[in-house]
Protein backbone atom coordinates (compact mmCIF):
# COMPACT_ATOMS: atom_id res chain seq x y z
CA MET A 1 -0.02 -2.04 18.34
CA ALA A 2 0.63 -4.80 20.57
CA ARG A 3 -2.20 -7.97 19.01
CA LYS A 4 -2.18 -11.32 20.03
CA ASN A 5 -2.02 -11.71 16.06
CA LYS A 6 0.55 -11.28 13.22
CA TYR A 7 -1.75 -8.21 12.17
CA ALA A 8 -1.56 -4.17 12.06
CA THR A 9 -5.55 -3.29 11.45
CA MET A 10 -6.60 -0.09 10.92
CA ARG A 11 -8.77 0.51 14.18
CA ASP A 12 -4.72 -0.58 15.70
CA LEU A 13 -3.93 2.57 14.04
CA VAL A 14 -6.50 4.76 14.59
CA ARG A 15 -6.21 3.83 18.71
CA LEU A 16 -2.44 4.69 18.81
CA VAL A 17 -2.74 8.12 16.84
CA LYS A 18 -6.11 8.84 18.85
CA LYS A 19 -4.52 8.31 22.06
CA ASN A 20 -0.95 9.94 21.42
CA THR A 21 -3.19 13.24 19.72
CA LYS A 22 -5.94 12.89 22.06
CA TYR A 23 -8.00 13.83 19.13
CA ASP A 24 -11.42 12.07 18.21
CA GLU A 25 -11.51 8.71 16.77
CA ALA A 26 -13.57 9.43 14.32
CA LEU A 27 -11.52 12.49 12.89
CA VAL A 28 -8.75 10.58 12.95
CA ARG A 29 -10.28 7.41 11.28
CA GLU A 30 -11.14 10.31 8.75
CA VAL A 31 -6.98 11.37 8.08
CA ILE A 32 -5.79 8.23 7.95
CA ASP A 33 -8.50 6.78 5.21
CA LEU A 34 -7.56 10.51 3.54
CA TYR A 35 -3.79 9.69 4.09
CA PHE A 36 -4.00 6.25 2.08
CA GLU A 37 -6.37 7.14 -0.64
CA GLU A 38 -4.25 9.79 -1.66
CA ILE A 39 -1.54 7.21 -2.13
CA LYS A 40 -3.59 5.01 -3.52
CA ASP A 41 -4.61 7.33 -6.41
CA ALA A 42 -1.26 8.57 -6.33
CA VAL A 43 0.15 5.18 -7.74
CA ILE A 44 -2.73 4.08 -9.45
CA SER A 45 -1.95 7.57 -12.04
CA ASN A 46 1.18 5.94 -12.40
CA LYS A 47 3.40 8.34 -9.60
CA GLN A 48 5.93 7.12 -7.11
CA VAL A 49 4.85 7.60 -3.82
CA ARG A 50 7.90 8.21 -1.36
CA LEU A 51 7.28 8.11 2.39
CA SER A 52 10.64 9.27 3.45
CA GLY A 53 11.95 6.78 6.06
CA PHE A 54 10.00 4.66 5.08
CA GLY A 55 9.57 3.56 1.29
CA VAL A 56 8.32 3.96 -2.38
CA PHE A 57 5.73 2.97 -3.58
CA SER A 58 5.37 2.45 -7.83
CA LEU A 59 2.68 0.65 -9.92
CA LYS A 60 5.16 -1.65 -11.96
CA LYS A 61 3.79 -2.81 -15.46
CA TRP A 62 5.41 -6.39 -17.16
CA LYS A 63 5.32 -7.09 -20.68
CA SER A 64 1.86 -8.60 -22.04
CA ASN A 65 0.76 -11.70 -22.43
CA THR A 66 -1.62 -13.26 -25.06
CA TYR A 67 -3.84 -15.49 -23.73
CA PHE A 68 -5.88 -17.87 -25.21
CA ASP A 69 -10.27 -17.98 -25.14
CA PRO A 70 -11.15 -21.29 -26.00
CA ASN A 71 -14.72 -20.45 -25.52
CA SER A 72 -14.77 -17.54 -27.79
CA LYS A 73 -11.46 -18.62 -29.74
CA THR A 74 -9.63 -15.51 -29.62
CA ARG A 75 -6.54 -14.17 -28.50
CA THR A 76 -6.53 -12.09 -26.16
CA SER A 77 -3.58 -9.58 -25.18
CA LYS A 78 -3.89 -8.58 -21.56
CA GLN A 79 -0.82 -6.32 -20.15
CA ILE A 80 -0.25 -7.05 -15.95
CA GLN A 81 0.68 -3.68 -13.27
CA THR A 82 1.39 -4.67 -9.35
CA VAL A 83 1.96 -2.16 -6.92
CA SER A 84 5.28 -2.70 -5.76
CA PHE A 85 7.40 -1.68 -3.07
CA LYS A 86 11.04 -0.67 -2.10
CA PRO A 87 11.35 -0.62 1.35
CA SER A 88 13.78 2.61 2.75
CA LYS A 89 17.32 1.88 4.00
CA ILE A 90 15.69 3.17 7.56
CA LEU A 91 13.52 0.67 7.46
CA ARG A 92 15.82 -1.94 5.85
CA LYS A 93 17.94 -1.97 9.04
CA LYS A 94 15.69 -1.68 11.97
CA VAL A 95 13.97 -5.10 10.15
CA LYS A 96 17.27 -6.73 10.12
CA ASP A 97 18.10 -5.74 13.73
CA SER A 98 15.40 -6.31 15.15
């Protein structure tokens, strides 16, 4: 995935998989889209996604914060959720050694 900029895009991934598998580009794009869609759905439904040799995606919930809305003069409580990623030991070692 050699690029001039620092980002690897979906297009790069599709081209790499197409080159290595000899499958049609449309089929490769569809499979990759489905793969990422399943990861998103699992994380949204509060399941951990473990990818061997890569890491773990999970949904992290923070404590509820109370905000004051000056327009309606009411207090609103909102729980914040973020996606968390913990790299595997293998990935951390490869990044450290590179």
